[in-house]
């Protein structure tokens, strides 16, 4: 959860209308500047099946499918997991949900750690 909360703070300063695009664009730029390939992380669960929007008022109508090496799709699916955690019905007792949260957090942490490291270099 801490990775998702930290990311919230960082991307929310962007001047873009839609929250999803603020986060996706933030991660795309951060990964590019940091030379981090998010697909070098284990993202098998994101590639296996779409991530469904579990916010109750949307009734699972939308889903995010991820094709290998498409960073925007992966980050959009990670955003969906974040929304499901904060606003929806992600259940950490569900093995797939556990893997989605863990794999998304690993991607976020790798990008943010590398970005922080590069920003603090002399």
C-alpha atoms as a PDB file:
ATOM      1  CA  UNK A   1       0.000   0.000   0.000  1.00  0.00           C
ATOM      2  CA  UNK A   2       2.857   2.379   0.768  1.00  0.00           C
ATOM      3  CA  UNK A   3       4.101   2.251  -2.828  1.00  0.00           C
ATOM      4  CA  UNK A   4       0.674   3.216  -4.131  1.00  0.00           C
ATOM      5  CA  UNK A   5       0.304   6.029  -1.561  1.00  0.00           C
ATOM      6  CA  UNK A   6       3.763   7.434  -2.393  1.00  0.00           C
ATOM      7  CA  UNK A   7       2.949   7.334  -6.078  1.00  0.00           C
ATOM      8  CA  UNK A   8      -0.324   9.188  -5.413  1.00  0.00           C
ATOM      9  CA  UNK A   9       1.603  12.047  -3.872  1.00  0.00           C
ATOM     10  CA  UNK A  10       4.085  12.266  -6.744  1.00  0.00           C
ATOM     11  CA  UNK A  11       1.767  12.099  -9.736  1.00  0.00           C
ATOM     12  CA  UNK A  12      -0.943  14.286  -8.243  1.00  0.00           C
ATOM     13  CA  UNK A  13       1.166  17.412  -8.779  1.00  0.00           C
ATOM     14  CA  UNK A  14       0.906  17.001 -12.551  1.00  0.00           C
ATOM     15  CA  UNK A  15      -1.308  19.443 -14.411  1.00  0.00           C
ATOM     16  CA  UNK A  16      -3.521  17.025 -16.309  1.00  0.00           C
ATOM     17  CA  UNK A  17      -7.288  16.804 -16.060  1.00  0.00           C
ATOM     18  CA  UNK A  18      -7.741  13.074 -15.566  1.00  0.00           C
ATOM     19  CA  UNK A  19      -6.127  11.261 -12.672  1.00  0.00           C
ATOM     20  CA  UNK A  20      -5.476   8.095 -14.708  1.00  0.00           C
ATOM     21  CA  UNK A  21      -3.481  10.075 -17.275  1.00  0.00           C
ATOM     22  CA  UNK A  22      -1.551  11.926 -14.552  1.00  0.00           C
ATOM     23  CA  UNK A  23      -0.370   8.632 -13.094  1.00  0.00           C
ATOM     24  CA  UNK A  24       0.232   6.837 -16.394  1.00  0.00           C
ATOM     25  CA  UNK A  25       2.165   9.760 -17.886  1.00  0.00           C
ATOM     26  CA  UNK A  26       4.149  10.240 -14.675  1.00  0.00           C
ATOM     27  CA  UNK A  27       5.252   6.589 -14.710  1.00  0.00           C
ATOM     28  CA  UNK A  28       5.971   6.576 -18.457  1.00  0.00           C
ATOM     29  CA  UNK A  29       8.255   9.600 -18.070  1.00  0.00           C
ATOM     30  CA  UNK A  30       9.872   8.347 -14.843  1.00  0.00           C
ATOM     31  CA  UNK A  31      10.592   4.917 -16.339  1.00  0.00           C
ATOM     32  CA  UNK A  32      12.042   6.484 -19.480  1.00  0.00           C
ATOM     33  CA  UNK A  33      14.272   8.953 -17.585  1.00  0.00           C
ATOM     34  CA  UNK A  34      15.389   6.253 -15.163  1.00  0.00           C
ATOM     35  CA  UNK A  35      15.963   3.653 -17.893  1.00  0.00           C
ATOM     36  CA  UNK A  36      13.715   1.175 -16.094  1.00  0.00           C
ATOM     37  CA  UNK A  37      11.962  -1.492 -18.142  1.00  0.00           C
ATOM     38  CA  UNK A  38       8.840  -2.339 -16.138  1.00  0.00           C
ATOM     39  CA  UNK A  39       8.524  -5.607 -18.048  1.00  0.00           C
ATOM     40  CA  UNK A  40      11.829  -6.720 -16.523  1.00  0.00           C
ATOM     41  CA  UNK A  41       9.779  -7.076 -13.316  1.00  0.00           C
ATOM     42  CA  UNK A  42       7.438  -9.996 -12.841  1.00  0.00           C
ATOM     43  CA  UNK A  43       4.176  -8.731 -14.361  1.00  0.00           C
ATOM     44  CA  UNK A  44       2.830 -12.132 -15.415  1.00  0.00           C
ATOM     45  CA  UNK A  45      -0.515 -11.558 -13.695  1.00  0.00           C
ATOM     46  CA  UNK A  46      -1.056  -8.350 -15.672  1.00  0.00           C
ATOM     47  CA  UNK A  47      -0.283 -10.166 -18.924  1.00  0.00           C
ATOM     48  CA  UNK A  48      -2.441 -13.210 -18.084  1.00  0.00           C
ATOM     49  CA  UNK A  49      -5.863 -11.534 -17.947  1.00  0.00           C
ATOM     50  CA  UNK A  50      -7.375  -8.039 -17.963  1.00  0.00           C
ATOM     51  CA  UNK A  51      -7.675  -6.095 -14.726  1.00  0.00           C
ATOM     52  CA  UNK A  52     -11.353  -5.373 -14.107  1.00  0.00           C
ATOM     53  CA  UNK A  53     -12.668  -2.152 -12.620  1.00  0.00           C
ATOM     54  CA  UNK A  54     -14.085  -3.239  -9.263  1.00  0.00           C
ATOM     55  CA  UNK A  55     -15.461   0.092  -8.093  1.00  0.00           C
ATOM     56  CA  UNK A  56     -19.038  -0.704  -7.074  1.00  0.00           C
ATOM     57  CA  UNK A  57     -20.711   2.143  -8.939  1.00  0.00           C
ATOM     58  CA  UNK A  58     -19.131   1.039 -12.238  1.00  0.00           C
ATOM     59  CA  UNK A  59     -20.031  -2.623 -11.849  1.00  0.00           C
ATOM     60  CA  UNK A  60     -16.908  -4.071 -13.449  1.00  0.00           C
ATOM     61  CA  UNK A  61     -17.836  -2.607 -16.820  1.00  0.00           C
ATOM     62  CA  UNK A  62     -14.311  -1.618 -17.852  1.00  0.00           C
ATOM     63  CA  UNK A  63     -11.121  -3.620 -17.885  1.00  0.00           C
ATOM     64  CA  UNK A  64      -7.462  -3.013 -18.706  1.00  0.00           C
ATOM     65  CA  UNK A  65      -5.721  -5.514 -20.971  1.00  0.00           C
ATOM     66  CA  UNK A  66      -1.923  -5.423 -21.126  1.00  0.00           C
ATOM     67  CA  UNK A  67       0.192  -6.370 -24.125  1.00  0.00           C
ATOM     68  CA  UNK A  68       3.866  -7.105 -23.496  1.00  0.00           C
ATOM     69  CA  UNK A  69       6.153  -4.060 -23.771  1.00  0.00           C
ATOM     70  CA  UNK A  70       3.294  -1.548 -23.768  1.00  0.00           C
ATOM     71  CA  UNK A  71       4.200   0.600 -20.764  1.00  0.00           C
ATOM     72  CA  UNK A  72       1.084   2.773 -20.997  1.00  0.00           C
ATOM     73  CA  UNK A  73      -1.211  -0.262 -20.858  1.00  0.00           C
ATOM     74  CA  UNK A  74       0.707  -1.734 -17.929  1.00  0.00           C
ATOM     75  CA  UNK A  75       0.638   1.540 -15.991  1.00  0.00           C
ATOM     76  CA  UNK A  76      -3.063   1.970 -16.749  1.00  0.00           C
ATOM     77  CA  UNK A  77      -3.724  -1.515 -15.346  1.00  0.00           C
ATOM     78  CA  UNK A  78      -1.614  -0.718 -12.262  1.00  0.00           C
ATOM     79  CA  UNK A  79      -3.685   2.449 -11.870  1.00  0.00           C
ATOM     80  CA  UNK A  80      -6.814   0.292 -11.998  1.00  0.00           C
ATOM     81  CA  UNK A  81      -5.452  -1.952  -9.248  1.00  0.00           C
ATOM     82  CA  UNK A  82      -4.727   1.194  -7.223  1.00  0.00           C
ATOM     83  CA  UNK A  83      -8.324   2.391  -7.722  1.00  0.00           C
ATOM     84  CA  UNK A  84      -9.671  -1.020  -6.799  1.00  0.00           C
ATOM     85  CA  UNK A  85      -7.583  -0.970  -3.604  1.00  0.00           C
ATOM     86  CA  UNK A  86      -8.586   2.538  -2.562  1.00  0.00           C
ATOM     87  CA  UNK A  87     -12.170   2.697  -3.845  1.00  0.00           C
ATOM     88  CA  UNK A  88     -13.292  -0.725  -4.974  1.00  0.00           C
ATOM     89  CA  UNK A  89     -13.471  -4.323  -3.963  1.00  0.00           C
ATOM     90  CA  UNK A  90      -9.953  -5.703  -4.192  1.00  0.00           C
ATOM     91  CA  UNK A  91      -9.727  -8.527  -1.707  1.00  0.00           C
ATOM     92  CA  UNK A  92      -6.274  -9.344  -0.426  1.00  0.00           C
ATOM     93  CA  UNK A  93      -7.596 -12.793   0.457  1.00  0.00           C
ATOM     94  CA  UNK A  94      -7.911 -13.474  -3.267  1.00  0.00           C
ATOM     95  CA  UNK A  95      -4.658 -14.972  -4.652  1.00  0.00           C
ATOM     96  CA  UNK A  96      -4.900 -13.121  -7.997  1.00  0.00           C
ATOM     97  CA  UNK A  97      -5.547  -9.813  -6.266  1.00  0.00           C
ATOM     98  CA  UNK A  98      -2.515 -10.432  -4.040  1.00  0.00           C
ATOM     99  CA  UNK A  99      -0.337 -11.043  -7.091  1.00  0.00           C
ATOM    100  CA  UNK A 100      -1.674  -7.953  -8.892  1.00  0.00           C
ATOM    101  CA  UNK A 101      -1.019  -5.717  -5.886  1.00  0.00           C
ATOM    102  CA  UNK A 102       2.440  -7.199  -5.290  1.00  0.00           C
ATOM    103  CA  UNK A 103       3.556  -7.083  -8.931  1.00  0.00           C
ATOM    104  CA  UNK A 104       2.245  -3.529  -9.389  1.00  0.00           C
ATOM    105  CA  UNK A 105       4.026  -2.403  -6.225  1.00  0.00           C
ATOM    106  CA  UNK A 106       7.293  -3.955  -7.445  1.00  0.00           C
ATOM    107  CA  UNK A 107       7.075  -1.962 -10.679  1.00  0.00           C
ATOM    108  CA  UNK A 108       6.284   1.255  -8.810  1.00  0.00           C
ATOM    109  CA  UNK A 109       9.084   0.747  -6.276  1.00  0.00           C
ATOM    110  CA  UNK A 110      11.667  -0.066  -8.938  1.00  0.00           C
ATOM    111  CA  UNK A 111      10.828   3.071 -10.932  1.00  0.00           C
ATOM    112  CA  UNK A 112      10.618   5.387  -7.913  1.00  0.00           C
ATOM    113  CA  UNK A 113      13.787   4.014  -6.304  1.00  0.00           C
ATOM    114  CA  UNK A 114      15.789   4.471  -9.496  1.00  0.00           C
ATOM    115  CA  UNK A 115      14.317   7.948 -10.030  1.00  0.00           C
ATOM    116  CA  UNK A 116      15.162   8.952  -6.448  1.00  0.00           C
ATOM    117  CA  UNK A 117      18.679   7.569  -6.811  1.00  0.00           C
ATOM    118  CA  UNK A 118      19.284   9.480 -10.042  1.00  0.00           C
ATOM    119  CA  UNK A 119      17.833  12.701  -8.595  1.00  0.00           C
ATOM    120  CA  UNK A 120      20.239  12.524  -5.631  1.00  0.00           C
ATOM    121  CA  UNK A 121      23.388  11.938  -7.645  1.00  0.00           C
ATOM    122  CA  UNK A 122      25.868  14.842  -7.627  1.00  0.00           C
END
